[in-house]
C-alpha atoms as a PDB file:
ATOM      1  CA  MET A   1       0.000   0.000   0.000  1.00  0.00           C
ATOM      2  CA  LYS A   2       2.873   2.359   0.745  1.00  0.00           C
ATOM      3  CA  TYR A   3       4.408   1.760  -2.657  1.00  0.00           C
ATOM      4  CA  ILE A   4       1.101   1.984  -4.543  1.00  0.00           C
ATOM      5  CA  LYS A   5       0.056   5.214  -2.829  1.00  0.00           C
ATOM      6  CA  MET A   6       3.497   6.735  -3.415  1.00  0.00           C
ATOM      7  CA  ALA A   7       3.559   5.725  -7.064  1.00  0.00           C
ATOM      8  CA  ALA A   8       0.007   6.946  -7.687  1.00  0.00           C
ATOM      9  CA  SER A   9       0.470  10.327  -5.999  1.00  0.00           C
ATOM     10  CA  PHE A  10       3.966  11.068  -7.331  1.00  0.00           C
ATOM     11  CA  ASN A  11       3.116  10.008 -10.893  1.00  0.00           C
ATOM     12  CA  PHE A  12      -0.134  11.976 -10.854  1.00  0.00           C
ATOM     13  CA  GLY A  13       1.734  15.042  -9.613  1.00  0.00           C
ATOM     14  CA  GLU A  14       4.571  14.680 -12.098  1.00  0.00           C
ATOM     15  CA  VAL A  15       2.280  14.144 -15.074  1.00  0.00           C
ATOM     16  CA  SER A  16       0.336  17.276 -14.065  1.00  0.00           C
ATOM     17  CA  SER A  17       3.579  19.246 -13.792  1.00  0.00           C
ATOM     18  CA  VAL A  18       4.841  18.079 -17.183  1.00  0.00           C
ATOM     19  CA  ILE A  19       1.568  19.014 -18.871  1.00  0.00           C
ATOM     20  CA  ILE A  20       1.411  22.465 -17.263  1.00  0.00           C
ATOM     21  CA  ALA A  21       5.092  23.220 -17.864  1.00  0.00           C
ATOM     22  CA  SER A  22       4.915  22.010 -21.484  1.00  0.00           C
ATOM     23  CA  VAL A  23       2.128  24.497 -22.125  1.00  0.00           C
ATOM     24  CA  LEU A  24       3.825  27.424 -20.378  1.00  0.00           C
ATOM     25  CA  LEU A  25       7.467  26.873 -21.318  1.00  0.00           C
ATOM     26  CA  PRO A  26       8.895  27.168 -24.864  1.00  0.00           C
ATOM     27  CA  PHE A  27      10.538  23.736 -24.458  1.00  0.00           C
ATOM     28  CA  LEU A  28       9.934  20.387 -22.772  1.00  0.00           C
ATOM     29  CA  PRO A  29      10.766  20.548 -19.038  1.00  0.00           C
ATOM     30  CA  ILE A  30      12.127  16.992 -19.291  1.00  0.00           C
ATOM     31  CA  THR A  31      12.564  14.609 -22.219  1.00  0.00           C
ATOM     32  CA  PRO A  32      11.071  11.090 -22.339  1.00  0.00           C
ATOM     33  CA  ILE A  33      14.432   9.330 -21.833  1.00  0.00           C
ATOM     34  CA  GLN A  34      15.301  11.633 -18.931  1.00  0.00           C
ATOM     35  CA  LEU A  35      11.910  10.953 -17.348  1.00  0.00           C
ATOM     36  CA  LEU A  36      12.414   7.197 -17.670  1.00  0.00           C
ATOM     37  CA  VAL A  37      15.850   7.304 -16.025  1.00  0.00           C
ATOM     38  CA  GLN A  38      14.530   9.612 -13.310  1.00  0.00           C
ATOM     39  CA  SER A  39      11.632   7.247 -12.602  1.00  0.00           C
ATOM     40  CA  LEU A  40      13.998   4.280 -12.515  1.00  0.00           C
ATOM     41  CA  LEU A  41      16.156   5.943  -9.855  1.00  0.00           C
ATOM     42  CA  TYR A  42      13.403   6.731  -7.391  1.00  0.00           C
ATOM     43  CA  ASP A  43      11.625   3.453  -8.099  1.00  0.00           C
ATOM     44  CA  VAL A  44      14.799   1.636  -7.022  1.00  0.00           C
ATOM     45  CA  GLY A  45      14.602   3.608  -3.780  1.00  0.00           C
ATOM     46  CA  GLN A  46      10.967   2.630  -3.264  1.00  0.00           C
ATOM     47  CA  LEU A  47      11.804  -1.038  -3.870  1.00  0.00           C
ATOM     48  CA  THR A  48      13.495  -1.057  -0.459  1.00  0.00           C
ATOM     49  CA  LEU A  49      10.113  -0.539   1.243  1.00  0.00           C
ATOM     50  CA  PRO A  50       9.531  -4.296   1.815  1.00  0.00           C
ATOM     51  CA  PHE A  51      12.529  -4.112   4.186  1.00  0.00           C
ATOM     52  CA  ASP A  52      11.200  -1.035   5.970  1.00  0.00           C
ATOM     53  CA  ASN A  53      10.241  -0.802   9.639  1.00  0.00           C
ATOM     54  CA  VAL A  54       6.489  -0.731  10.255  1.00  0.00           C
ATOM     55  CA  ASP A  55       4.856   1.302  13.032  1.00  0.00           C
ATOM     56  CA  SER A  56       3.437  -0.996  15.716  1.00  0.00           C
ATOM     57  CA  GLU A  57       0.075   0.832  15.594  1.00  0.00           C
ATOM     58  CA  TYR A  58      -0.294  -0.072  11.932  1.00  0.00           C
ATOM     59  CA  LEU A  59      -0.159  -3.780  12.768  1.00  0.00           C
ATOM     60  CA  GLU A  60      -2.846  -3.701  15.459  1.00  0.00           C
ATOM     61  CA  ASN A  61      -5.734  -4.328  13.050  1.00  0.00           C
ATOM     62  CA  PRO A  62      -6.031  -6.044   9.647  1.00  0.00           C
ATOM     63  CA  LYS A  63      -6.124  -3.684   6.657  1.00  0.00           C
ATOM     64  CA  LYS A  64      -8.483  -3.932   3.709  1.00  0.00           C
ATOM     65  CA  TRP A  65      -7.787  -3.010   0.101  1.00  0.00           C
ATOM     66  CA  ASN A  66      -9.398   0.426  -0.268  1.00  0.00           C
ATOM     67  CA  VAL A  67      -9.661   1.817  -3.807  1.00  0.00           C
ATOM     68  CA  LYS A  68     -11.501   4.925  -2.630  1.00  0.00           C
ATOM     69  CA  GLY A  69      -8.728   5.604  -0.133  1.00  0.00           C
ATOM     70  CA  LEU A  70      -6.155   5.292  -2.916  1.00  0.00           C
ATOM     71  CA  LYS A  71      -8.059   7.782  -5.072  1.00  0.00           C
ATOM     72  CA  ASN A  72      -8.403  10.242  -2.197  1.00  0.00           C
ATOM     73  CA  PHE A  73      -4.704   9.954  -1.431  1.00  0.00           C
ATOM     74  CA  MET A  74      -3.665  10.463  -5.053  1.00  0.00           C
ATOM     75  CA  LEU A  75      -5.906  13.508  -5.520  1.00  0.00           C
ATOM     76  CA  PHE A  76      -4.725  15.017  -2.220  1.00  0.00           C
ATOM     77  CA  MET A  77      -0.965  14.437  -2.271  1.00  0.00           C
ATOM     78  CA  GLY A  78      -0.444  14.460  -6.060  1.00  0.00           C
ATOM     79  CA  PRO A  79      -1.365  18.134  -6.575  1.00  0.00           C
ATOM     80  CA  LEU A  80       0.733  19.068  -3.544  1.00  0.00           C
ATOM     81  CA  SER A  81       3.901  17.619  -5.087  1.00  0.00           C
ATOM     82  CA  SER A  82       2.967  19.247  -8.397  1.00  0.00           C
ATOM     83  CA  CYS A  83       2.779  22.652  -6.691  1.00  0.00           C
ATOM     84  CA  PHE A  84       6.393  22.313  -5.601  1.00  0.00           C
ATOM     85  CA  ASP A  85       7.422  21.309  -9.130  1.00  0.00           C
ATOM     86  CA  LEU A  86       5.857  24.545 -10.335  1.00  0.00           C
ATOM     87  CA  ILE A  87       7.667  26.484  -7.605  1.00  0.00           C
ATOM     88  CA  VAL A  88      10.939  25.128  -9.018  1.00  0.00           C
ATOM     89  CA  PHE A  89       9.919  26.192 -12.531  1.00  0.00           C
ATOM     90  CA  ALA A  90       8.955  29.672 -11.298  1.00  0.00           C
ATOM     91  CA  LEU A  91      12.232  30.099  -9.414  1.00  0.00           C
ATOM     92  CA  LEU A  92      14.259  29.095 -12.458  1.00  0.00           C
ATOM     93  CA  TRP A  93      12.305  31.261 -14.905  1.00  0.00           C
ATOM     94  CA  PHE A  94      11.591  34.402 -12.872  1.00  0.00           C
ATOM     95  CA  THR A  95      14.267  34.482 -10.156  1.00  0.00           C
ATOM     96  CA  PHE A  96      17.278  33.048 -11.963  1.00  0.00           C
ATOM     97  CA  GLY A  97      16.224  34.022 -15.491  1.00  0.00           C
ATOM     98  CA  VAL A  98      16.967  30.572 -16.899  1.00  0.00           C
ATOM     99  CA  ARG A  99      15.959  30.242 -20.559  1.00  0.00           C
ATOM    100  CA  GLU A 100      18.039  27.240 -21.638  1.00  0.00           C
ATOM    101  CA  ALA A 101      16.220  23.912 -21.896  1.00  0.00           C
ATOM    102  CA  TRP A 102      19.236  21.869 -20.739  1.00  0.00           C
ATOM    103  CA  ILE A 103      19.454  23.765 -17.442  1.00  0.00           C
ATOM    104  CA  PHE A 104      15.749  23.275 -16.744  1.00  0.00           C
ATOM    105  CA  GLN A 105      15.940  19.602 -17.622  1.00  0.00           C
ATOM    106  CA  SER A 106      19.122  18.930 -15.650  1.00  0.00           C
ATOM    107  CA  ILE A 107      17.810  20.638 -12.511  1.00  0.00           C
ATOM    108  CA  TRP A 108      14.368  19.041 -12.676  1.00  0.00           C
ATOM    109  CA  PHE A 109      15.891  15.618 -13.271  1.00  0.00           C
ATOM    110  CA  SER A 110      17.892  15.818 -10.027  1.00  0.00           C
ATOM    111  CA  TYR A 111      15.175  17.665  -8.109  1.00  0.00           C
ATOM    112  CA  GLY A 112      12.512  15.132  -9.078  1.00  0.00           C
ATOM    113  CA  VAL A 113      14.500  12.205  -7.665  1.00  0.00           C
ATOM    114  CA  VAL A 114      15.468  13.994  -4.438  1.00  0.00           C
ATOM    115  CA  SER A 115      11.923  15.304  -3.929  1.00  0.00           C
ATOM    116  CA  ASN A 116      10.298  11.900  -4.397  1.00  0.00           C
ATOM    117  CA  LEU A 117      12.764  10.182  -2.085  1.00  0.00           C
ATOM    118  CA  VAL A 118      12.126  12.810   0.599  1.00  0.00           C
ATOM    119  CA  GLY A 119       8.404  12.383  -0.007  1.00  0.00           C
ATOM    120  CA  MET A 120       8.792   8.639   0.489  1.00  0.00           C
ATOM    121  CA  HIS A 121       9.779   9.251   4.103  1.00  0.00           C
ATOM    122  CA  ILE A 122       6.744  11.477   4.641  1.00  0.00           C
ATOM    123  CA  ILE A 123       4.360   8.911   3.181  1.00  0.00           C
ATOM    124  CA  ARG A 124       5.835   5.755   4.739  1.00  0.00           C
ATOM    125  CA  THR A 125       4.398   6.572   8.179  1.00  0.00           C
ATOM    126  CA  ALA A 126       1.465   8.433   9.716  1.00  0.00           C
ATOM    127  CA  LYS A 127       3.892   9.785  12.313  1.00  0.00           C
ATOM    128  CA  LYS A 128       6.589  12.416  12.007  1.00  0.00           C
ATOM    129  CA  PRO A 129       9.431  10.811  10.030  1.00  0.00           C
ATOM    130  CA  PHE A 130      12.973  10.914  11.428  1.00  0.00           C
ATOM    131  CA  ILE A 131      11.563  11.841  14.874  1.00  0.00           C
ATOM    132  CA  GLU A 132       8.638   9.607  15.842  1.00  0.00           C
ATOM    133  CA  SER A 133       9.219   6.887  13.249  1.00  0.00           C
ATOM    134  CA  ASN A 134      12.504   5.800  11.724  1.00  0.00           C
ATOM    135  CA  ALA A 135      12.839   3.940   8.460  1.00  0.00           C
ATOM    136  CA  SER A 136      15.056   0.886   8.181  1.00  0.00           C
ATOM    137  CA  LYS A 137      18.761   1.371   7.505  1.00  0.00           C
ATOM    138  CA  MET A 138      18.279   0.039   3.985  1.00  0.00           C
ATOM    139  CA  VAL A 139      15.620   2.680   3.197  1.00  0.00           C
ATOM    140  CA  TYR A 140      17.783   5.460   4.610  1.00  0.00           C
ATOM    141  CA  PHE A 141      20.863   4.238   2.749  1.00  0.00           C
ATOM    142  CA  SER A 142      19.076   3.925  -0.605  1.00  0.00           C
ATOM    143  CA  SER A 143      17.487   7.372  -0.230  1.00  0.00           C
ATOM    144  CA  ILE A 144      20.809   9.074   0.457  1.00  0.00           C
ATOM    145  CA  LEU A 145      22.751   7.116  -2.168  1.00  0.00           C
ATOM    146  CA  LEU A 146      20.189   7.620  -4.948  1.00  0.00           C
ATOM    147  CA  SER A 147      19.836  11.332  -4.154  1.00  0.00           C
ATOM    148  CA  ILE A 148      23.601  11.737  -4.507  1.00  0.00           C
ATOM    149  CA  ILE A 149      23.568   9.736  -7.752  1.00  0.00           C
ATOM    150  CA  ALA A 150      20.735  11.907  -9.124  1.00  0.00           C
ATOM    151  CA  ILE A 151      22.723  15.068  -8.420  1.00  0.00           C
ATOM    152  CA  ILE A 152      25.910  13.633  -9.940  1.00  0.00           C
ATOM    153  CA  VAL A 153      24.372  12.095 -13.116  1.00  0.00           C
ATOM    154  CA  PRO A 154      24.135  15.409 -15.071  1.00  0.00           C
ATOM    155  CA  PHE A 155      27.914  15.836 -14.633  1.00  0.00           C
ATOM    156  CA  THR A 156      28.714  12.417 -16.134  1.00  0.00           C
ATOM    157  CA  PRO A 157      29.088  11.143 -19.724  1.00  0.00           C
ATOM    158  CA  PHE A 158      25.885   9.135 -19.213  1.00  0.00           C
ATOM    159  CA  GLY A 159      24.104  12.351 -18.264  1.00  0.00           C
ATOM    160  CA  ALA A 160      25.349  13.989 -21.448  1.00  0.00           C
ATOM    161  CA  PHE A 161      24.151  10.947 -23.411  1.00  0.00           C
ATOM    162  CA  ILE A 162      20.560  11.577 -22.249  1.00  0.00           C
ATOM    163  CA  GLY A 163      20.818  15.346 -22.690  1.00  0.00           C
ATOM    164  CA  LEU A 164      21.799  16.420 -19.171  1.00  0.00           C
ATOM    165  CA  TYR A 165      24.739  18.630 -18.279  1.00  0.00           C
ATOM    166  CA  GLY A 166      26.355  19.843 -15.075  1.00  0.00           C
ATOM    167  CA  VAL A 167      24.679  22.989 -13.738  1.00  0.00           C
ATOM    168  CA  PRO A 168      26.228  25.800 -11.653  1.00  0.00           C
ATOM    169  CA  ILE A 169      26.526  24.984  -7.954  1.00  0.00           C
ATOM    170  CA  LYS A 170      24.046  27.751  -7.033  1.00  0.00           C
ATOM    171  CA  PHE A 171      21.214  25.604  -8.390  1.00  0.00           C
ATOM    172  CA  ILE A 172      22.004  22.807  -5.937  1.00  0.00           C
ATOM    173  CA  SER A 173      20.214  24.955  -3.336  1.00  0.00           C
ATOM    174  CA  ILE A 174      16.981  24.469  -5.300  1.00  0.00           C
ATOM    175  CA  ILE A 175      17.529  20.726  -5.741  1.00  0.00           C
ATOM    176  CA  ILE A 176      18.001  20.267  -1.986  1.00  0.00           C
ATOM    177  CA  GLY A 177      16.150  23.249  -0.477  1.00  0.00           C
ATOM    178  CA  VAL A 178      12.754  22.876  -2.149  1.00  0.00           C
ATOM    179  CA  PRO A 179      12.379  19.188  -1.117  1.00  0.00           C
ATOM    180  CA  ILE A 180      13.118  20.219   2.494  1.00  0.00           C
ATOM    181  CA  LEU A 181      10.392  22.874   2.264  1.00  0.00           C
ATOM    182  CA  TYR A 182       8.074  20.248   0.756  1.00  0.00           C
ATOM    183  CA  CYS A 183       8.820  18.015   3.739  1.00  0.00           C
ATOM    184  CA  PHE A 184       7.478  20.585   6.220  1.00  0.00           C
ATOM    185  CA  ILE A 185       4.407  21.474   4.152  1.00  0.00           C
ATOM    186  CA  ALA A 186       3.647  17.799   3.512  1.00  0.00           C
ATOM    187  CA  LEU A 187       3.720  17.120   7.259  1.00  0.00           C
ATOM    188  CA  PHE A 188       1.009  19.749   7.737  1.00  0.00           C
ATOM    189  CA  ALA A 189      -0.967  18.328   4.789  1.00  0.00           C
ATOM    190  CA  LYS A 190      -0.658  14.840   6.296  1.00  0.00           C
ATOM    191  CA  LYS A 191      -2.294  16.016   9.526  1.00  0.00           C
ATOM    192  CA  ARG A 192      -5.156  17.552   7.558  1.00  0.00           C
ATOM    193  CA  TYR A 193      -5.605  14.389   5.498  1.00  0.00           C
ATOM    194  CA  ILE A 194      -5.679  12.104   8.557  1.00  0.00           C
ATOM    195  CA  LYS A 195      -8.146  14.428  10.279  1.00  0.00           C
ATOM    196  CA  LYS A 196     -10.414  14.427   7.224  1.00  0.00           C
ATOM    197  CA  TYR A 197     -10.257  10.750   6.191  1.00  0.00           C
ATOM    198  CA  GLY A 198      -9.248   9.061   9.444  1.00  0.00           C
ATOM    199  CA  GLU A 199      -6.420   7.092   7.823  1.00  0.00           C
ATOM    200  CA  TRP A 200      -3.061   7.505   6.132  1.00  0.00           C
ATOM    201  CA  ILE A 201      -1.648   4.307   4.618  1.00  0.00           C
END
């Protein structure tokens, strides 16, 4: 359920962002091959969830497959992640004056992986992650390793092969800073969701 809800919400949010950005920007915010590699990276991170720790409260009662709950979750958390994608686009376009497609694509490639891996820790528990509920060592390790890989890829020959190039260091603040901001806002949104629907995962 964790994986399905993550995949549904993140994919819904990312598809929405791509559509909106493709309409507003004079170029594609990310190419198909870049999107596939990006998805592969954070999917590898999510594949460690079967080894994750589970909150004891979650195991107290049997859980039923809930399609309505999945839809509610996707429509609630998906647009939230999309909003932060659009914040990144706005910062690049209006604050930094970026007009080159390769810079947009390189930054969003790395940001998308880091953001989704941070989001994974928000979604994996109804509690406050890192404080009230800790993931397994394998989940932590994969999240950190894959985030580093995502930031490094644009600087490598493989990155160049898929149309990515190393960006100035000043943009690393967006790649890391916006996901941290998302983390705090998502915690607030999680409280609202649990209060409204009486469940999380």
